[in-house]
Structures are given as structure tokens and as C-alpha cells.
């Protein structure tokens, strides 16, 4: 009986070490990331757009995630793509539409962002002018997020640069409320208990057909940062191993 107990405890301990070393990688719908990585759940969209409603000032746009936890798309999403859509960020106060005035800051309320994983990639990861609602919103809803308000503000937009060459820089916080990755990203570990923090910068304002070059449409890049939760099975496996180690120490102590 004693030998049997020793074998069980040894197997549990070994399984914990193997599990912690090999089962930490998370795969959600084909998107893979490592919660043990120093970068954890951080990412970049090198292809991002921003549209500003000229009447209301509401922000919206599309993007493609091009890096996740330090890995490129061919590694974190082989054979698939991770895209995003956002909108509903309403300006607060009298100034609703940005101008090319450096130093201008506008606060926003509300807002949402949705990430989709698509196993039939069709969104350009290099040309933001080719991004549409159709090619960034197909596939599986991977993460459903809403703006996290801090003192009523979910996003702050700043105009930088010069009047001739303005730049837009935004930053805000988000809470995840659904999607395939919900259980892994609902951590409340960012500022004020948010799940994700994000920044974006727009410095290219192309002229579109029927629209002069202006701040109403821009292309740029975005970054987000968050934490992730390991698979429940991995946590249980590690716990089993620690329990086995504890029993082993207790048995030796009795001897």
C-alpha cells in the first residue's frame, strides 16, 4: 500500500512539472499565446484605421493584429487572422471634432471593440485602406470588449505635431464581456480594474475619393496590454502535483 501511494504521488508531482512546462500555451480558436511569457497578453496592430464622424465626432475603425506576445501572425495565428473593429467612442464636452491644433485633448465616453479570428484570411495586414467591415468582422467573435470608464472617460485623444503635419494619439481602457477568449482575459488587472489598456497613434491622413485630406480619416498603429489566465486544466494539474509533493514531505516527516 505504501509503495502504491509513493507511485501515485510521484506521478502527480512529475505531471505537475510537465504540465507547467508544456501546457501553459493557450490556444483559443487557433490563436495561441503564453500566459507565462514576460509579455503575456500584449499585442500590436501595425495596420489600423480611424474614422471620425464630422458631425458627431464619434470614433470608429478597423485593424489587423500583427503581433501578439512578441510573436508574429504566422506563429500566433498560423493559417488564420485576428482582426478588430471598434466604434461608439463619443466625445465629451463642447469640442466634438478634432482640429489640426497641437495640444488639443478630447475625452470620450462609451465605446466598444470586437476581435475576430478568421480561418479564411481576407484582410490586408499591410494596407489599411483595404480594410472593411466585411473583412475585419467575419469569423468567430474572439473577444467582445466595452470601454472601461475612469472618472467617466474611456478614451483620451490628443492632437500632436504641427498644424501642417498633425498626429493623433489615443489611449484608453477596456473590459471584456464575452467572446471565445473571455475566460482567459477577464483579469481586472489593468488600471482601475480594467482588463485591457490600449494606445494608438495616427500620422497618415490619406485623401479619399470625395474627402479632402483631414483628421476625419487616418491610418496608424495601435498597441494593447493585458494579462491572461492559464487553462483551468493546467492549474488543476499543477495543484495536484503540489498536493502530491506535500504528502511526500509529510510522509518523510513522520518517519
Protein backbone atom coordinates (compact mmCIF):
# COMPACT_ATOMS: atom_id res chain seq x y z
CA UNK A 1 0.00 0.00 0.00
CA UNK A 2 2.83 2.36 0.89
CA UNK A 3 4.55 1.64 -2.40
CA UNK A 4 1.33 2.36 -4.29
CA UNK A 5 0.95 5.70 -2.54
CA UNK A 6 4.52 6.62 -3.38
CA UNK A 7 3.96 5.80 -7.05
CA UNK A 8 0.78 7.90 -7.20
CA UNK A 9 2.44 10.84 -5.51
CA UNK A 10 5.49 10.61 -7.74
CA UNK A 11 3.33 10.56 -10.86
CA UNK A 12 1.33 13.56 -9.67
CA UNK A 13 4.49 15.52 -8.94
CA UNK A 14 6.01 14.66 -12.29
CA UNK A 15 2.79 15.53 -14.10
CA UNK A 16 2.76 18.95 -12.47
CA UNK A 17 6.24 19.77 -13.68
CA UNK A 18 5.48 18.51 -17.17
CA UNK A 19 2.15 20.32 -17.23
CA UNK A 20 3.61 23.61 -16.08
CA UNK A 21 6.33 23.39 -18.71
CA UNK A 22 4.28 22.17 -21.66
CA UNK A 23 0.61 23.01 -21.02
CA UNK A 24 0.97 26.75 -20.43
CA UNK A 25 0.42 27.69 -24.08
CA UNK A 26 -3.22 28.70 -24.64
CA UNK A 27 -4.99 28.03 -27.93
CA UNK A 28 -8.31 29.79 -28.43
CA UNK A 29 -9.81 29.27 -31.87
CA UNK A 30 -6.37 28.92 -33.41
CA UNK A 31 -4.90 31.99 -31.66
CA UNK A 32 -2.03 30.96 -29.38
CA UNK A 33 -0.39 32.87 -26.55
CA UNK A 34 1.63 32.01 -23.47
CA UNK A 35 0.44 33.35 -20.07
CA UNK A 36 3.92 32.66 -18.69
CA UNK A 37 5.55 34.95 -21.27
CA UNK A 38 7.13 38.14 -19.94
CA UNK A 39 4.99 40.00 -22.48
CA UNK A 40 1.89 37.96 -21.50
CA UNK A 41 -1.13 39.18 -23.47
CA UNK A 42 0.24 42.20 -25.32
CA UNK A 43 -0.15 42.94 -28.98
CA UNK A 44 0.26 45.34 -31.87
CA UNK A 45 -1.78 46.35 -34.86
CA UNK A 46 0.56 47.81 -37.45
CA UNK A 47 -2.44 48.20 -39.77
CA UNK A 48 -5.12 50.34 -38.15
CA UNK A 49 -7.62 52.96 -39.31
CA UNK A 50 -9.58 55.67 -37.55
CA UNK A 51 -12.66 57.45 -38.86
CA UNK A 52 -14.13 60.50 -37.13
CA UNK A 53 -17.75 61.38 -37.79
CA UNK A 54 -17.54 65.02 -38.95
CA UNK A 55 -20.90 65.85 -37.31
CA UNK A 56 -20.74 63.99 -34.00
CA UNK A 57 -17.02 63.31 -33.54
CA UNK A 58 -17.65 59.62 -32.79
CA UNK A 59 -14.57 57.43 -33.36
CA UNK A 60 -14.56 54.10 -35.21
CA UNK A 61 -12.18 51.96 -37.23
CA UNK A 62 -10.71 48.63 -38.28
CA UNK A 63 -7.42 46.83 -37.77
CA UNK A 64 -5.40 43.64 -38.08
CA UNK A 65 -3.40 42.25 -35.13
CA UNK A 66 0.12 41.79 -36.50
CA UNK A 67 1.96 40.76 -33.32
CA UNK A 68 0.90 39.01 -30.11
CA UNK A 69 3.11 38.42 -27.06
CA UNK A 70 6.21 39.05 -29.15
CA UNK A 71 5.26 36.61 -31.93
CA UNK A 72 4.26 37.44 -35.50
CA UNK A 73 0.98 36.36 -37.08
CA UNK A 74 2.41 33.23 -38.72
CA UNK A 75 3.32 31.97 -35.23
CA UNK A 76 0.44 33.11 -33.01
CA UNK A 77 -2.27 32.50 -35.62
CA UNK A 78 -0.98 30.03 -38.25
CA UNK A 79 -3.44 29.74 -41.11
CA UNK A 80 -5.77 32.33 -39.58
CA UNK A 81 -6.02 36.05 -38.88
CA UNK A 82 -7.00 38.12 -35.84
CA UNK A 83 -8.81 41.34 -36.76
CA UNK A 84 -10.54 44.10 -34.83
CA UNK A 85 -13.34 46.61 -35.13
CA UNK A 86 -14.11 49.48 -32.76
CA UNK A 87 -16.60 52.30 -32.51
CA UNK A 88 -19.06 54.19 -30.33
CA UNK A 89 -16.49 56.43 -28.60
CA UNK A 90 -18.47 59.66 -28.07
CA UNK A 91 -16.67 62.95 -27.34
CA UNK A 92 -17.40 64.66 -24.06
CA UNK A 93 -17.84 68.44 -23.96
CA UNK A 94 -18.31 71.22 -26.49
CA UNK A 95 -15.42 70.28 -28.78
CA UNK A 96 -16.72 67.26 -30.68
CA UNK A 97 -14.45 67.17 -33.73
CA UNK A 98 -10.64 67.38 -33.55
CA UNK A 99 -8.86 70.12 -35.46
CA UNK A 100 -5.23 70.28 -36.52
CA UNK A 101 -4.40 72.22 -33.35
CA UNK A 102 -1.48 70.74 -31.40
CA UNK A 103 -2.21 70.40 -27.70
CA UNK A 104 -5.93 69.84 -28.14
CA UNK A 105 -7.23 67.00 -25.95
CA UNK A 106 -10.67 65.45 -26.18
CA UNK A 107 -12.17 62.99 -23.70
CA UNK A 108 -14.52 60.24 -24.84
CA UNK A 109 -17.19 58.09 -23.18
CA UNK A 110 -18.67 54.73 -24.13
CA UNK A 111 -17.07 52.74 -26.90
CA UNK A 112 -16.60 49.11 -27.85
CA UNK A 113 -14.07 46.85 -29.55
CA UNK A 114 -14.50 43.38 -31.06
CA UNK A 115 -11.77 40.94 -32.09
CA UNK A 116 -12.47 38.20 -34.63
CA UNK A 117 -10.46 35.12 -35.56
CA UNK A 118 -10.96 34.02 -39.15
CA UNK A 119 -9.66 30.74 -40.62
CA UNK A 120 -10.03 32.10 -44.17
CA UNK A 121 -7.82 35.23 -44.03
CA UNK A 122 -9.02 38.01 -46.31
CA UNK A 123 -7.99 41.26 -44.57
CA UNK A 124 -4.80 43.02 -45.65
CA UNK A 125 -2.18 43.11 -42.92
CA UNK A 126 -0.17 45.77 -44.78
CA UNK A 127 -2.65 48.11 -46.48
CA UNK A 128 -5.15 49.76 -44.09
CA UNK A 129 -7.06 51.32 -47.00
CA UNK A 130 -8.28 47.82 -47.93
CA UNK A 131 -9.85 47.13 -44.52
CA UNK A 132 -13.64 46.98 -44.41
CA UNK A 133 -16.43 45.97 -42.05
CA UNK A 134 -16.77 42.73 -44.02
CA UNK A 135 -13.16 41.51 -43.98
CA UNK A 136 -12.46 42.54 -40.37
CA UNK A 137 -15.74 41.28 -38.90
CA UNK A 138 -16.03 37.76 -40.27
CA UNK A 139 -15.07 34.59 -38.43
CA UNK A 140 -15.56 33.80 -34.74
CA UNK A 141 -16.10 36.55 -32.17
CA UNK A 142 -12.86 36.13 -30.23
CA UNK A 143 -13.17 38.98 -27.73
CA UNK A 144 -16.11 41.30 -27.07
CA UNK A 145 -14.99 44.42 -25.20
CA UNK A 146 -16.54 47.67 -23.99
CA UNK A 147 -14.93 50.90 -22.80
CA UNK A 148 -13.92 50.96 -19.15
CA UNK A 149 -14.75 54.37 -17.70
CA UNK A 150 -12.32 56.04 -15.30
CA UNK A 151 -13.95 59.19 -13.93
CA UNK A 152 -16.39 58.92 -16.82
CA UNK A 153 -13.68 58.74 -19.50
CA UNK A 154 -12.96 55.63 -21.57
CA UNK A 155 -10.52 57.18 -24.07
CA UNK A 156 -8.47 60.36 -24.36
CA UNK A 157 -7.44 61.71 -27.76
CA UNK A 158 -4.62 64.21 -28.24
CA UNK A 159 -3.54 66.18 -31.29
CA UNK A 160 0.25 66.35 -31.58
CA UNK A 161 2.80 67.52 -34.15
CA UNK A 162 2.28 70.70 -36.12
CA UNK A 163 -0.69 72.34 -37.83
CA UNK A 164 0.74 71.28 -41.20
CA UNK A 165 1.58 67.74 -40.05
CA UNK A 166 -0.69 66.76 -37.17
CA UNK A 167 -0.70 63.43 -35.38
CA UNK A 168 -3.45 61.83 -33.35
CA UNK A 169 -2.63 59.85 -30.23
CA UNK A 170 -5.27 57.98 -28.25
CA UNK A 171 -5.28 55.91 -25.09
CA UNK A 172 -7.95 54.13 -23.08
CA UNK A 173 -9.09 51.05 -21.18
CA UNK A 174 -11.45 48.16 -21.95
CA UNK A 175 -13.40 45.42 -20.18
CA UNK A 176 -14.06 42.05 -21.79
CA UNK A 177 -17.70 40.95 -21.64
CA UNK A 178 -17.76 37.95 -23.96
CA UNK A 179 -16.17 36.06 -26.84
CA UNK A 180 -14.19 32.83 -27.08
CA UNK A 181 -11.27 34.23 -25.05
CA UNK A 182 -13.39 35.66 -22.23
CA UNK A 183 -12.28 33.21 -19.52
CA UNK A 184 -8.61 33.88 -20.29
CA UNK A 185 -8.68 37.70 -20.38
CA UNK A 186 -11.20 38.61 -17.67
CA UNK A 187 -8.48 39.52 -15.17
CA UNK A 188 -9.30 43.08 -13.95
CA UNK A 189 -5.55 43.68 -13.61
CA UNK A 190 -5.14 46.93 -15.53
CA UNK A 191 -5.74 50.46 -14.27
CA UNK A 192 -8.89 50.81 -12.17
CA UNK A 193 -9.69 47.12 -12.63
CA UNK A 194 -9.88 47.19 -16.43
CA UNK A 195 -8.97 44.08 -18.43
CA UNK A 196 -7.02 45.74 -21.26
CA UNK A 197 -5.24 49.04 -21.81
CA UNK A 198 -4.64 50.36 -25.32
CA UNK A 199 -2.90 53.19 -27.15
CA UNK A 200 -2.96 54.21 -30.79
CA UNK A 201 -1.19 56.77 -32.93
CA UNK A 202 -2.30 58.09 -36.32
CA UNK A 203 0.05 60.10 -38.51
CA UNK A 204 -1.05 59.43 -42.10
CA UNK A 205 -4.13 61.19 -43.41
CA UNK A 206 -4.72 59.98 -46.98
CA UNK A 207 -7.08 61.72 -49.35
CA UNK A 208 -10.09 59.52 -50.06
CA UNK A 209 -12.42 59.92 -53.02
CA UNK A 210 -14.81 62.73 -52.17
CA UNK A 211 -12.97 63.59 -48.94
CA UNK A 212 -10.09 66.06 -48.57
CA UNK A 213 -7.05 65.17 -46.52
CA UNK A 214 -8.03 65.78 -42.90
CA UNK A 215 -8.20 64.32 -39.42
CA UNK A 216 -11.56 62.71 -40.26
CA UNK A 217 -9.78 59.63 -41.60
CA UNK A 218 -6.32 58.42 -40.62
CA UNK A 219 -4.13 55.34 -40.61
CA UNK A 220 -1.61 54.34 -37.98
CA UNK A 221 -0.73 51.73 -35.39
CA UNK A 222 -2.12 50.52 -32.10
CA UNK A 223 -0.93 48.60 -29.05
CA UNK A 224 -2.74 46.85 -26.24
CA UNK A 225 -1.61 45.31 -22.99
CA UNK A 226 -3.26 42.87 -20.60
CA UNK A 227 -2.86 39.72 -18.56
CA UNK A 228 -4.16 36.23 -19.20
CA UNK A 229 -5.35 33.31 -17.11
CA UNK A 230 -3.93 29.80 -17.76
CA UNK A 231 -6.16 26.92 -18.81
CA UNK A 232 -8.16 25.54 -15.83
CA UNK A 233 -6.76 22.09 -16.58
CA UNK A 234 -3.19 23.33 -16.29
CA UNK A 235 -3.93 24.99 -12.95
CA UNK A 236 -5.52 21.79 -11.62
CA UNK A 237 -2.59 19.70 -12.83
CA UNK A 238 -0.09 21.95 -11.09
CA UNK A 239 -2.21 21.89 -7.93
CA UNK A 240 -2.31 18.09 -7.99
CA UNK A 241 1.45 17.99 -8.25
CA UNK A 242 1.91 20.39 -5.34
CA UNK A 243 -0.52 18.31 -3.27
CA UNK A 244 1.48 15.19 -4.07
CA UNK A 245 4.70 16.90 -3.06
CA UNK A 246 3.11 17.99 0.24
CA UNK A 247 2.03 14.42 1.06
CA UNK A 248 5.51 13.18 0.21
CA UNK A 249 7.11 15.67 2.64
CA UNK A 250 4.55 14.79 5.31
CA UNK A 251 5.30 11.08 4.94
CA UNK A 252 9.03 11.68 5.26
CA UNK A 253 8.48 13.85 8.32
CA UNK A 254 6.54 11.07 10.08
CA UNK A 255 9.43 8.67 9.51
